[in-house]
Protein backbone atom coordinates (compact mmCIF):
# COMPACT_ATOMS: atom_id res chain seq x y z
CA MET A 1 0.93 -4.80 4.39
CA THR A 2 -2.67 -4.94 3.41
CA LYS A 3 -3.17 -8.67 3.92
CA SER A 4 -4.53 -10.02 7.15
CA GLY A 5 -2.25 -11.97 9.42
CA PRO A 6 -2.47 -15.71 10.08
CA TYR A 7 -5.76 -16.95 11.57
CA GLN A 8 -5.18 -18.27 15.10
CA THR A 9 -8.24 -20.34 16.11
CA SER A 10 -6.80 -23.84 16.18
CA GLU A 11 -9.22 -25.06 18.83
CA LEU A 12 -12.25 -24.09 16.74
CA GLY A 13 -11.06 -25.03 13.29
CA PRO A 14 -11.72 -23.03 10.13
CA LEU A 15 -14.22 -20.20 10.06
CA ARG A 16 -17.47 -21.53 8.61
CA LEU A 17 -20.12 -18.85 9.18
CA VAL A 18 -20.14 -15.04 9.30
CA ILE A 19 -23.37 -13.31 10.48
CA ILE A 20 -23.59 -9.58 9.65
CA LEU A 21 -26.03 -7.45 11.64
CA ALA A 22 -27.02 -4.65 9.21
CA ASP A 23 -28.78 -1.43 10.03
CA GLU A 24 -28.76 2.08 8.60
CA SER A 25 -24.93 2.10 8.84
CA ALA A 26 -24.74 -0.48 6.04
CA ASN A 27 -25.09 2.42 3.55
CA TRP A 28 -22.54 4.71 5.24
CA LYS A 29 -19.45 5.29 3.18
CA ILE A 30 -15.96 5.07 4.68
CA ALA A 31 -12.97 5.68 2.40
CA GLY A 32 -15.01 5.16 -0.77
CA LEU A 33 -16.84 2.01 0.22
CA ARG A 34 -20.24 1.30 1.80
CA GLN A 35 -19.91 -0.42 5.13
CA LEU A 36 -21.68 -3.62 4.02
CA ASP A 37 -19.40 -3.93 0.98
CA ARG A 38 -16.28 -3.34 3.11
CA LEU A 39 -17.22 -6.14 5.50
CA LEU A 40 -17.96 -8.56 2.65
CA LEU A 41 -14.70 -7.71 0.85
CA SER A 42 -12.80 -8.14 4.16
CA VAL A 43 -14.34 -11.58 4.69
CA ALA A 44 -13.53 -12.54 1.09
CA GLU A 45 -9.89 -11.49 1.51
CA PHE A 46 -9.73 -13.33 4.82
CA ALA A 47 -10.97 -16.48 3.06
CA ARG A 48 -8.43 -16.20 0.24
CA THR A 49 -5.49 -15.53 2.57
CA ASN A 50 -6.27 -17.80 5.49
CA GLN A 51 -8.63 -20.52 4.25
CA PRO A 52 -8.06 -20.96 0.48
CA GLY A 53 -10.64 -23.29 -0.99
CA ALA A 54 -12.73 -23.41 2.19
CA ARG A 55 -16.32 -22.26 2.10
CA ILE A 56 -17.50 -19.44 4.38
CA ASP A 57 -21.25 -18.87 4.54
CA VAL A 58 -22.39 -15.26 5.07
CA ARG A 59 -25.81 -14.41 6.44
CA ILE A 60 -26.99 -10.77 6.49
CA ILE A 61 -29.65 -9.95 9.08
CA TRP A 62 -31.26 -6.56 8.63
CA ASP A 63 -32.60 -4.48 11.47
CA GLU A 64 -36.36 -4.58 11.04
CA ARG A 65 -36.47 -0.80 11.61
CA VAL A 66 -34.65 -0.29 8.25
CA ASP A 67 -37.20 0.06 5.44
CA ALA A 68 -36.86 -2.69 2.83
CA ARG A 69 -36.34 -0.12 0.07
CA SER A 70 -33.30 1.24 1.97
CA ARG A 71 -31.58 -2.12 2.31
CA CYS A 72 -28.59 -2.08 -0.04
CA GLU A 73 -27.53 -5.11 -2.02
CA PRO A 74 -23.85 -6.23 -2.10
CA ALA A 75 -22.10 -4.36 -4.93
CA ASN A 76 -19.76 -7.16 -5.93
CA ALA A 77 -19.62 -10.92 -6.20
CA ALA A 78 -16.51 -11.46 -4.09
CA LEU A 79 -18.49 -14.02 -2.10
CA ALA A 80 -21.08 -16.15 -3.83
CA ASN A 81 -22.59 -17.71 -0.72
CA ILE A 82 -24.35 -14.62 0.72
CA GLU A 83 -27.93 -14.91 1.92
CA THR A 84 -30.33 -12.71 3.85
CA ALA A 85 -32.03 -14.07 6.97
CA HIS A 86 -34.95 -12.55 8.88
CA SER A 87 -33.52 -13.36 12.33
CA ILE A 88 -30.45 -14.78 14.01
CA HIS A 89 -32.65 -17.71 15.08
CA ASP A 90 -33.27 -18.53 11.40
CA VAL A 91 -29.56 -19.17 10.84
CA SER A 92 -28.19 -22.68 11.06
CA ILE A 93 -25.06 -22.51 13.22
CA PRO A 94 -22.47 -25.32 12.73
CA ASP A 95 -21.71 -27.21 15.97
CA GLY A 96 -18.10 -27.15 17.16
CA GLU A 97 -16.93 -24.87 14.34
CA ALA A 98 -15.91 -21.25 14.28
CA SER A 99 -18.54 -18.64 13.55
CA VAL A 100 -18.54 -14.87 14.17
CA VAL A 101 -21.10 -12.08 14.38
CA LEU A 102 -20.12 -8.74 12.81
CA SER A 103 -21.94 -5.43 12.52
CA THR A 104 -22.05 -2.89 9.69
CA ARG A 105 -21.00 -0.33 12.32
CA LEU A 106 -17.60 -2.05 12.38
CA VAL A 107 -14.79 -0.39 10.38
CA PRO A 108 -12.15 -3.14 10.28
CA SER A 109 -8.43 -2.65 9.67
CA ARG A 110 -7.32 -4.74 6.71
CA VAL A 111 -3.96 -5.38 8.36
CA ARG A 112 -5.53 -6.86 11.50
CA PHE A 113 -8.80 -8.30 10.21
CA ALA A 114 -7.75 -11.92 10.84
CA GLU A 115 -6.92 -10.88 14.45
CA VAL A 116 -10.36 -9.37 14.76
CA ILE A 117 -11.99 -12.58 13.44
CA ALA A 118 -9.92 -14.72 15.79
CA ALA A 119 -10.87 -12.63 18.82
CA LEU A 120 -14.56 -12.93 18.08
CA ALA A 121 -14.52 -16.60 17.05
CA ASN A 122 -12.60 -17.73 20.15
CA ASP A 123 -15.21 -16.07 22.40
CA PRO A 124 -18.45 -16.61 20.45
CA LEU A 125 -21.78 -15.12 21.37
CA ASP A 126 -24.54 -17.48 22.53
CA LEU A 127 -26.77 -17.02 19.50
CA ARG A 128 -29.25 -19.80 20.12
CA ASN A 129 -30.52 -18.65 23.50
CA THR A 130 -30.21 -14.86 23.21
CA ALA A 131 -32.66 -12.30 21.87
CA VAL A 132 -31.48 -10.32 18.85
CA GLU A 133 -31.42 -7.06 20.85
CA GLU A 134 -29.20 -8.66 23.53
CA THR A 135 -26.91 -10.09 20.84
CA GLU A 136 -26.48 -6.63 19.36
CA ARG A 137 -25.80 -5.16 22.77
CA GLN A 138 -23.15 -7.78 23.56
CA LEU A 139 -21.56 -7.45 20.17
CA ASN A 140 -21.41 -3.72 20.33
CA ALA A 141 -19.71 -3.85 23.75
CA ARG A 142 -17.23 -6.43 22.48
CA LEU A 143 -16.39 -4.53 19.33
CA ARG A 144 -15.35 -1.51 21.39
CA THR A 145 -12.78 -3.42 23.44
CA ALA A 146 -11.80 -6.78 21.94
CA VAL A 147 -8.78 -5.81 19.79
CA ASP A 148 -7.23 -2.45 20.54
CA GLY A 149 -6.65 -0.61 17.23
CA GLY A 150 -8.07 -3.45 15.16
CA TRP A 151 -11.18 -1.52 14.19
CA ASP A 152 -13.42 1.45 14.74
CA TYR A 153 -17.03 1.23 15.89
CA LEU A 154 -19.46 3.84 14.55
CA ALA A 155 -21.98 4.79 17.18
CA SER A 156 -23.34 7.57 14.93
CA ARG A 157 -22.79 9.37 11.60
CA ASP A 158 -20.84 12.02 13.45
CA GLU A 159 -17.95 9.58 13.92
CA ILE A 160 -17.48 8.78 10.23
CA ALA A 161 -14.87 11.48 9.50
CA ALA A 162 -12.67 10.58 12.46
CA ALA A 163 -12.94 6.88 11.66
CA GLU A 164 -12.00 7.50 8.05
CA GLN A 165 -8.93 9.47 9.13
CA ARG A 166 -7.77 6.64 11.40
CA PHE A 167 -8.47 4.07 8.67
CA LEU A 168 -6.38 5.90 6.12
CA LYS A 169 -3.60 6.44 8.65
CA GLN A 170 -3.23 2.66 8.91
CA ASN A 171 -3.29 2.41 5.13
CA GLY A 172 0.34 3.16 4.40
CA LYS A 173 3.13 0.73 3.58
CA SER A 174 5.74 -0.69 5.87
CA GLN A 175 8.35 0.06 3.15
CA ASP A 176 7.71 3.80 3.47
CA GLY A 177 10.85 5.82 4.13
CA LEU A 178 11.19 8.57 6.68
CA ALA A 179 10.17 11.34 4.31
CA SER A 180 7.06 9.38 3.28
CA ARG A 181 6.02 8.71 6.86
CA PHE A 182 6.40 12.20 8.21
CA VAL A 183 5.91 14.41 5.09
CA ASN A 184 4.47 12.65 2.06
CA ARG A 185 1.84 10.36 3.61
CA PRO A 186 0.14 13.00 5.77
CA LEU A 187 -0.25 15.14 2.66
CA SER A 188 -1.19 12.37 0.25
CA ARG A 189 -3.89 11.13 2.66
CA LEU A 190 -5.59 14.57 2.50
CA VAL A 191 -5.77 14.26 -1.30
CA THR A 192 -6.83 10.57 -1.09
CA ARG A 193 -9.79 11.37 1.16
CA TRP A 194 -11.02 13.80 -1.52
CA LEU A 195 -10.35 11.35 -4.36
CA LEU A 196 -12.22 8.58 -2.57
CA LYS A 197 -15.39 10.63 -2.87
CA SER A 198 -15.10 10.27 -6.62
CA SER A 199 -15.04 7.15 -8.87
CA ILE A 200 -11.40 7.62 -10.00
CA THR A 201 -9.39 4.39 -10.22
CA PRO A 202 -5.80 3.94 -9.00
CA SER A 203 -4.52 3.40 -12.58
CA THR A 204 -6.26 6.49 -13.87
CA TRP A 205 -4.63 8.54 -11.11
CA SER A 206 -1.20 7.06 -11.94
CA VAL A 207 -1.57 8.20 -15.57
CA LEU A 208 -2.98 11.60 -14.73
CA ILE A 209 -0.21 12.67 -12.37
CA PHE A 210 2.49 11.60 -14.83
CA ALA A 211 1.99 15.04 -16.26
CA LEU A 212 4.06 16.31 -13.30
CA PRO A 213 7.36 14.64 -14.30
CA LEU A 214 6.82 15.91 -17.83
CA CYS A 215 6.42 19.44 -16.50
CA ALA A 216 9.48 19.06 -14.28
CA ALA A 217 11.52 17.77 -17.20
CA GLY A 218 10.49 20.82 -19.23
CA ALA A 219 11.62 23.08 -16.40
CA PHE A 220 15.04 21.40 -16.15
CA LEU A 221 15.68 21.98 -19.85
CA SER A 222 15.73 25.75 -19.27
CA GLY A 223 19.02 25.38 -17.40
CA THR A 224 18.56 28.20 -14.83
CA TYR A 225 18.65 28.27 -11.04
CA SER A 226 14.92 28.91 -10.77
CA SER A 227 14.08 26.16 -13.31
CA PHE A 228 16.19 23.59 -11.43
CA LEU A 229 14.44 24.51 -8.16
CA LEU A 230 11.00 24.46 -9.83
CA GLY A 231 11.70 21.07 -11.45
CA CYS A 232 12.77 19.54 -8.15
CA VAL A 233 9.74 20.93 -6.33
CA ILE A 234 7.47 19.43 -9.00
CA PHE A 235 9.21 16.05 -8.66
CA GLN A 236 8.68 16.27 -4.90
CA LEU A 237 5.01 17.01 -5.45
CA TYR A 238 4.88 14.00 -7.78
CA SER A 239 6.47 11.88 -5.03
CA ILE A 240 3.69 12.94 -2.66
CA LEU A 241 0.78 12.44 -5.06
CA ASP A 242 2.26 9.14 -6.28
CA GLY A 243 1.19 7.60 -2.94
CA CYS A 244 -2.51 8.25 -3.60
CA ASP A 245 -3.02 5.45 -6.17
CA GLY A 246 -1.88 2.85 -3.67
CA GLU A 247 -3.97 4.37 -0.91
CA ILE A 248 -7.06 4.32 -3.14
CA ALA A 249 -6.36 0.72 -4.11
CA ARG A 250 -5.91 -0.49 -0.55
CA ALA A 251 -8.96 1.41 0.68
CA ARG A 252 -11.20 -0.01 -2.04
CA PHE A 253 -9.66 -3.47 -2.36
CA LEU A 254 -8.52 -2.61 -5.93
CA GLU A 255 -4.92 -3.84 -5.85
CA SER A 256 -3.87 -5.56 -9.05
CA GLU A 257 -0.70 -6.69 -10.76
CA PHE A 258 -1.45 -4.32 -13.64
CA GLY A 259 -1.69 -1.40 -11.24
CA ARG A 260 1.62 -2.27 -9.56
CA ARG A 261 3.36 -2.62 -12.91
CA LEU A 262 1.91 0.65 -14.22
CA ASP A 263 3.01 2.53 -11.07
CA SER A 264 6.54 1.02 -11.32
CA PHE A 265 6.73 1.85 -15.01
CA CYS A 266 5.69 5.50 -14.42
CA ASP A 267 8.27 5.77 -11.62
CA LEU A 268 10.93 4.36 -13.97
CA LEU A 269 10.07 6.84 -16.74
CA GLY A 270 10.07 9.67 -14.18
CA ASN A 271 13.58 8.73 -12.98
CA LEU A 272 14.82 8.58 -16.58
CA LEU A 273 13.38 12.02 -17.34
CA LEU A 274 14.97 13.39 -14.21
CA ALA A 275 18.43 12.12 -15.14
CA LEU A 276 18.32 13.00 -18.84
CA THR A 277 16.74 16.45 -18.66
CA LEU A 278 18.79 17.48 -15.64
CA GLY A 279 21.91 16.52 -17.59
CA ILE A 280 20.73 18.57 -20.59
CA GLY A 281 19.82 21.55 -18.39
CA LEU A 282 23.12 21.51 -16.58
CA ALA A 283 25.00 21.29 -19.89
CA ARG A 284 23.12 24.31 -21.22
CA HIS A 285 23.70 26.19 -17.96
CA ALA A 286 27.46 25.46 -18.11
CA GLU A 287 27.67 26.38 -21.77
CA ALA A 288 25.87 29.71 -21.21
CA GLY A 289 28.41 30.47 -18.47
CA GLY A 290 31.33 29.71 -20.81
CA ALA A 291 32.49 26.63 -18.80
CA PRO A 292 34.63 24.16 -20.74
CA ASN A 293 33.49 20.57 -21.28
CA SER A 294 29.86 21.36 -20.63
CA TRP A 295 29.01 18.20 -22.61
CA LEU A 296 30.18 16.16 -19.63
CA TYR A 297 26.89 16.90 -17.85
CA LEU A 298 24.94 15.52 -20.78
CA ALA A 299 27.13 12.39 -20.80
CA GLU A 300 26.62 12.02 -17.04
CA GLY A 301 22.85 12.27 -17.45
CA ILE A 302 22.81 9.65 -20.21
CA ALA A 303 25.04 7.35 -18.14
CA ALA A 304 22.78 7.70 -15.08
CA ALA A 305 19.72 6.98 -17.18
CA GLY A 306 21.40 3.93 -18.73
CA LEU A 307 22.33 2.59 -15.31
CA ILE A 308 18.79 3.05 -14.02
CA VAL A 309 17.44 1.04 -16.94
CA LEU A 310 20.15 -1.61 -16.41
CA SER A 311 19.37 -1.96 -12.70
CA GLU A 312 15.64 -2.21 -13.16
CA GLY A 313 16.03 -4.54 -16.16
CA ILE A 314 18.16 -6.95 -14.11
CA VAL A 315 15.59 -6.86 -11.30
CA PHE A 316 12.80 -7.63 -13.82
CA VAL A 317 14.69 -10.56 -15.39
CA ARG A 318 15.69 -11.86 -11.97
CA ARG A 319 12.06 -11.96 -10.83
CA THR A 320 10.76 -13.60 -14.02
CA ARG A 321 13.36 -16.28 -14.67
CA PRO A 322 12.58 -19.73 -13.14
CA ASP A 323 14.97 -19.64 -10.18
CA GLY A 324 14.25 -15.97 -9.48
CA ALA A 325 10.49 -16.62 -9.23
CA GLN A 326 11.19 -18.74 -6.13
CA GLN A 327 13.16 -16.01 -4.41
CA GLN A 328 10.52 -15.30 -1.74
CA GLN A 329 12.39 -15.59 1.54
CA PRO A 330 11.52 -14.42 5.00
CA THR A 331 13.93 -11.76 6.17
CA ARG A 332 14.22 -9.19 8.92
CA TRP A 333 14.16 -6.54 6.13
CA ASN A 334 10.59 -7.38 4.96
CA GLY A 335 9.23 -4.37 6.78
CA ALA A 336 11.73 -1.92 5.30
CA LEU A 337 12.37 -3.12 1.75
CA TYR A 338 10.41 -4.53 -1.13
CA GLN A 339 11.05 -8.20 -1.73
CA ARG A 340 13.01 -7.58 -4.92
CA HIS A 341 15.64 -5.54 -3.03
CA HIS A 342 16.32 -8.04 -0.24
CA GLU A 343 19.07 -9.86 -2.09
CA PHE A 344 20.91 -6.63 -2.85
CA LEU A 345 21.16 -5.74 0.78
CA GLU A 346 21.98 -9.24 2.05
CA ARG A 347 24.78 -9.66 -0.48
CA SER A 348 26.20 -6.16 -0.41
CA GLY A 349 28.33 -6.61 2.72
CA ILE A 350 26.68 -3.60 4.40
CA LEU A 351 25.42 -5.82 7.21
CA LEU A 352 29.06 -6.31 8.32
CA LEU A 353 28.90 -2.72 9.56
CA GLY A 354 25.95 -3.57 11.86
CA GLU A 355 22.21 -3.79 11.43
CA ARG A 356 21.53 -0.35 12.88
CA PHE A 357 23.92 1.27 10.39
CA ALA A 358 22.37 -0.74 7.52
CA TRP A 359 18.85 0.27 8.61
CA TRP A 360 19.70 3.99 8.62
CA LEU A 361 21.54 3.68 5.30
CA VAL A 362 18.47 2.03 3.75
CA GLN A 363 16.15 4.73 5.12
CA LEU A 364 18.31 7.66 4.05
CA THR A 365 18.81 6.40 0.47
CA LYS A 366 15.17 5.65 -0.38
CA ARG A 367 13.47 7.45 -3.23
CA ASP A 368 11.29 9.60 -1.00
CA MET A 369 14.33 10.86 0.93
CA ALA A 370 16.21 11.43 -2.35
CA MET A 371 13.46 13.65 -3.79
CA LEU A 372 13.34 15.77 -0.67
CA ALA A 373 17.14 16.06 -0.65
CA PHE A 374 17.10 17.11 -4.32
CA VAL A 375 14.85 20.07 -3.46
CA LEU A 376 17.29 21.17 -0.78
CA LEU A 377 20.28 20.80 -3.12
CA ALA A 378 18.52 22.88 -5.79
CA LEU A 379 17.59 25.47 -3.19
CA VAL A 380 21.19 26.02 -2.21
CA GLY A 381 22.28 26.17 -5.84
CA TRP A 382 23.93 22.74 -6.19
CA PRO A 383 21.84 20.98 -8.89
CA GLN A 384 24.97 19.35 -10.25
CA CYS A 385 25.21 17.38 -7.02
CA ILE A 386 21.83 15.87 -7.80
CA LEU A 387 23.18 14.45 -11.03
CA HIS A 388 26.36 13.18 -9.33
CA LEU A 389 24.23 11.38 -6.73
CA LEU A 390 21.96 9.90 -9.36
CA LEU A 391 24.94 8.49 -11.20
CA ALA A 392 26.55 7.11 -8.04
CA VAL A 393 23.41 5.51 -6.66
CA SER A 394 22.34 4.03 -10.02
CA GLY A 395 25.85 2.64 -10.44
CA VAL A 396 25.85 0.95 -7.04
CA SER A 397 22.32 -0.37 -7.63
CA SER A 398 23.33 -1.86 -11.00
CA ALA A 399 26.37 -3.53 -9.40
CA LEU A 400 24.29 -5.06 -6.60
CA ALA A 401 21.59 -6.15 -9.05
CA GLY A 402 24.19 -7.77 -11.26
CA ASN A 403 25.75 -9.56 -8.31
CA ALA A 404 22.34 -10.94 -7.23
CA PHE A 405 21.59 -11.96 -10.83
CA LEU A 406 24.83 -13.91 -11.37
CA ARG A 407 24.75 -15.79 -8.13
CA PRO A 408 22.50 -18.86 -7.88
CA ALA A 409 19.14 -18.46 -6.16
CA ALA A 410 18.76 -19.72 -2.62
CA PRO A 411 16.27 -22.55 -1.87
CA ALA A 412 12.69 -21.35 -1.88
CA ILE A 413 10.87 -21.10 1.44
CA ALA A 414 7.59 -19.54 2.43
CA GLN A 415 7.40 -15.73 2.39
CA GLU A 416 6.81 -13.91 5.62
CA ALA A 417 3.67 -11.74 5.63
CA THR A 418 4.37 -8.01 5.52
């Protein structure tokens, strides 16, 4: 989702030169990053994704009206070939090769940055025979219209807040379920905007909010109607805030394999706590009411937890064994599912019922929808149905994971960008 799409400038060849016109806006912060740093990180990501191994030279040209003491230096070394030039006319422009001019007033979308670059490179400015002021005027006009929705252009400081809102709105994931899109994300983005004003890292946030599942588990152990409802509300709050770490990472270019694994591990522990403590709480509730066989709830909770571990364990082994590592196939479900779940759907037989049915089934059974449904079930006094659903879904997931694990991997082909 966060990677730029393929670079479409075949008639010009690879991008060789990026000129950044920097003025006072270079120091303006959008979603936790200075504008100059965001542009440089965007160019570096473009280079890794679209031109691996190819050199892209970056020349920063400061507006002479900006005092030298106010000219910020790049905060990272994502690009080693960055230099400062006094004028556009001091820059050596490669003949017949792609070059673009950007401005620190540009707030690019990470998803469409390659499209932005292609639009500017295919219609380059005449840098050799144009005054700097005219170049800036032409660039500013082009940035406002060239790719609809591909960026924001900041004419003044007053536009920062609105641009940041639009930037974060594009910062979700295509795999978000219906509850995430319409409930969780709008709320998590409000928190993320506040967090981005601090120096908190995504991994730190993942660890901090894990206190919520612990609190919810403690509530479930009480075994009362109000405690079941409170626990489910806390888990729903955790589901909302759990989106902030990814939003911070994507806004600041801080994605990492460690962060992804930590987030997945915390989610797994949260699901285990949900199943086990709900089973214990329901058993205590049934025992207090004199119901026979109250231990069955405890057994059901343990079984659900065991199946959750089994399902996730199979997925982990499948992804790390030699044939599983090649299981990166383009599929029409890339936008709705994580890669590791594609095989489960394709081999489940659900598609025989029609793609529209399968799409709705996928959307309605995602974790974000489940957490919201659990709150409603607790509200109407049916917490036992939550445990039954956990057991059923974890059982089906384990069966599908086992089926995908036992069958041979399909031939590896290139992965479609998501």
